[in-house]
C-alpha atoms as a PDB file:
ATOM      1  CA  MET A   1      -7.062   6.356  34.817  1.00  0.00           C
ATOM      2  CA  MET A   2      -9.725   6.364  32.207  1.00  0.00           C
ATOM      3  CA  CYS A   3      -7.398   7.059  29.269  1.00  0.00           C
ATOM      4  CA  ALA A   4      -5.226   4.021  30.042  1.00  0.00           C
ATOM      5  CA  ARG A   5      -8.209   1.685  29.508  1.00  0.00           C
ATOM      6  CA  SER A   6      -9.923   3.472  26.650  1.00  0.00           C
ATOM      7  CA  THR A   7      -9.620   1.516  23.406  1.00  0.00           C
ATOM      8  CA  LEU A   8      -9.853   4.759  21.440  1.00  0.00           C
ATOM      9  CA  PHE A   9      -6.912   6.253  23.348  1.00  0.00           C
ATOM     10  CA  LEU A  10      -4.862   3.064  23.017  1.00  0.00           C
ATOM     11  CA  GLY A  11      -5.610   2.947  19.286  1.00  0.00           C
ATOM     12  CA  LEU A  12      -4.563   6.553  18.787  1.00  0.00           C
ATOM     13  CA  VAL A  13      -1.247   6.270  20.622  1.00  0.00           C
ATOM     14  CA  ARG A  14      -0.278   2.921  19.105  1.00  0.00           C
ATOM     15  CA  PRO A  15       2.766   3.145  16.828  1.00  0.00           C
ATOM     16  CA  PRO A  16       1.934   2.978  13.102  1.00  0.00           C
ATOM     17  CA  GLN A  17       2.285  -0.406  11.434  1.00  0.00           C
ATOM     18  CA  MET A  18       2.247  -1.772   7.922  1.00  0.00           C
ATOM     19  CA  LEU A  19       1.773  -5.503   7.265  1.00  0.00           C
ATOM     20  CA  GLY A  20       2.114  -6.163  11.001  1.00  0.00           C
ATOM     21  CA  LEU A  21       5.546  -4.523  11.197  1.00  0.00           C
ATOM     22  CA  PRO A  22       6.484  -1.086  12.491  1.00  0.00           C
ATOM     23  CA  ILE A  23       6.818   1.356   9.603  1.00  0.00           C
ATOM     24  CA  LEU A  24      10.629   1.414   9.562  1.00  0.00           C
ATOM     25  CA  TYR A  25      10.859  -2.390   9.585  1.00  0.00           C
ATOM     26  CA  ALA A  26       8.263  -2.621   6.799  1.00  0.00           C
ATOM     27  CA  VAL A  27      10.070  -0.053   4.658  1.00  0.00           C
ATOM     28  CA  LEU A  28      13.369  -1.913   5.104  1.00  0.00           C
ATOM     29  CA  TRP A  29      11.676  -5.216   4.212  1.00  0.00           C
ATOM     30  CA  ILE A  30       9.939  -3.854   1.113  1.00  0.00           C
ATOM     31  CA  PHE A  31      12.958  -1.960  -0.240  1.00  0.00           C
ATOM     32  CA  GLY A  32      15.258  -4.873   0.559  1.00  0.00           C
ATOM     33  CA  SER A  33      12.940  -7.249  -1.273  1.00  0.00           C
ATOM     34  CA  VAL A  34      12.762  -5.022  -4.335  1.00  0.00           C
ATOM     35  CA  LEU A  35      16.528  -4.491  -4.396  1.00  0.00           C
ATOM     36  CA  ALA A  36      17.145  -8.229  -4.049  1.00  0.00           C
ATOM     37  CA  LEU A  37      14.760  -8.874  -6.943  1.00  0.00           C
ATOM     38  CA  ILE A  38      16.418  -6.229  -9.126  1.00  0.00           C
ATOM     39  CA  TRP A  39      19.973  -7.308  -8.322  1.00  0.00           C
ATOM     40  CA  SER A  40      19.423 -11.050  -8.617  1.00  0.00           C
ATOM     41  CA  GLN A  41      16.844 -10.932 -11.435  1.00  0.00           C
ATOM     42  CA  SER A  42      15.546 -14.178 -10.040  1.00  0.00           C
ATOM     43  CA  LEU A  43      12.277 -15.173  -8.452  1.00  0.00           C
ATOM     44  CA  TRP A  44      14.256 -16.692  -5.577  1.00  0.00           C
ATOM     45  CA  ALA A  45      14.307 -13.170  -4.184  1.00  0.00           C
ATOM     46  CA  PHE A  46      10.642 -13.668  -3.258  1.00  0.00           C
ATOM     47  CA  ALA A  47      11.601 -16.727  -1.220  1.00  0.00           C
ATOM     48  CA  LEU A  48      14.306 -14.704   0.505  1.00  0.00           C
ATOM     49  CA  SER A  49      11.774 -11.952   1.233  1.00  0.00           C
ATOM     50  CA  ALA A  50       9.286 -14.448   2.605  1.00  0.00           C
ATOM     51  CA  ALA A  51      11.982 -15.872   4.880  1.00  0.00           C
ATOM     52  CA  ALA A  52      13.037 -12.404   6.048  1.00  0.00           C
ATOM     53  CA  TYR A  53       9.527 -11.362   7.103  1.00  0.00           C
ATOM     54  CA  PRO A  54       9.270 -13.656  10.175  1.00  0.00           C
ATOM     55  CA  ALA A  55      12.767 -12.638  11.259  1.00  0.00           C
ATOM     56  CA  LEU A  56      11.815  -8.963  11.074  1.00  0.00           C
ATOM     57  CA  TRP A  57       8.511  -9.657  12.840  1.00  0.00           C
ATOM     58  CA  LEU A  58      10.338 -11.381  15.712  1.00  0.00           C
ATOM     59  CA  ALA A  59      12.834  -8.518  15.896  1.00  0.00           C
ATOM     60  CA  ALA A  60       9.951  -6.039  16.021  1.00  0.00           C
ATOM     61  CA  GLN A  61       8.319  -8.009  18.836  1.00  0.00           C
ATOM     62  CA  TRP A  62      11.611  -7.972  20.746  1.00  0.00           C
ATOM     63  CA  ASP A  63      12.144  -4.207  20.333  1.00  0.00           C
ATOM     64  CA  PRO A  64      10.015  -2.136  17.947  1.00  0.00           C
ATOM     65  CA  ALA A  65      12.462   0.792  18.031  1.00  0.00           C
ATOM     66  CA  PHE A  66      15.688  -1.191  17.495  1.00  0.00           C
ATOM     67  CA  VAL A  67      16.235  -0.026  13.906  1.00  0.00           C
ATOM     68  CA  GLU A  68      15.514   3.568  14.919  1.00  0.00           C
ATOM     69  CA  VAL A  69      18.035   3.336  17.776  1.00  0.00           C
ATOM     70  CA  ILE A  70      20.728   1.993  15.436  1.00  0.00           C
ATOM     71  CA  ARG A  71      19.983   4.793  12.955  1.00  0.00           C
ATOM     72  CA  VAL A  72      20.206   7.545  15.578  1.00  0.00           C
ATOM     73  CA  VAL A  73      23.346   6.143  17.196  1.00  0.00           C
ATOM     74  CA  SER A  74      25.121   5.822  13.852  1.00  0.00           C
ATOM     75  CA  GLU A  75      24.201   9.413  12.979  1.00  0.00           C
ATOM     76  CA  HIS A  76      25.362  10.958  16.250  1.00  0.00           C
ATOM     77  CA  THR A  77      28.410   8.858  17.151  1.00  0.00           C
ATOM     78  CA  ARG A  78      31.495  10.359  15.578  1.00  0.00           C
ATOM     79  CA  PRO A  79      34.437   8.164  14.592  1.00  0.00           C
ATOM     80  CA  THR A  80      37.436   8.246  16.888  1.00  0.00           C
ATOM     81  CA  ARG A  81      40.739   9.911  16.002  1.00  0.00           C
ATOM     82  CA  ASN A  82      42.619   6.591  15.863  1.00  0.00           C
ATOM     83  CA  ARG A  83      40.158   4.883  13.516  1.00  0.00           C
ATOM     84  CA  LYS A  84      42.710   4.741  10.679  1.00  0.00           C
ATOM     85  CA  ILE A  85      45.335   3.112  12.890  1.00  0.00           C
ATOM     86  CA  TRP A  86      43.152   0.250  14.180  1.00  0.00           C
ATOM     87  CA  ASP A  87      40.799  -0.054  11.171  1.00  0.00           C
ATOM     88  CA  GLY A  88      37.917   0.703  13.486  1.00  0.00           C
ATOM     89  CA  ASP A  89      36.940   2.713  16.527  1.00  0.00           C
ATOM     90  CA  SER A  90      39.211   2.113  19.512  1.00  0.00           C
ATOM     91  CA  TYR A  91      38.520   4.075  22.662  1.00  0.00           C
ATOM     92  CA  ALA A  92      41.624   2.876  24.520  1.00  0.00           C
ATOM     93  CA  PRO A  93      45.040   4.448  23.817  1.00  0.00           C
END
């Protein structure tokens, strides 16, 4: 197939990235860094952000859609009826 080898086609269907991370990972990293800086009011938040970037990059290499999967599953999975009894979802009686 010609489209499978075309660099233009591969460039157009590639998922969007920012700073080498998929968009959702990058947004989480940036907002998390800003919130850590605001909450701690310390420049150590930059060190924490710098340490979190490689972890997010490795997670994105493992599965670029992992954060999206977690988001969709948490939106569409309803809590069970016995959640209050067991302090969590229990699917067994």
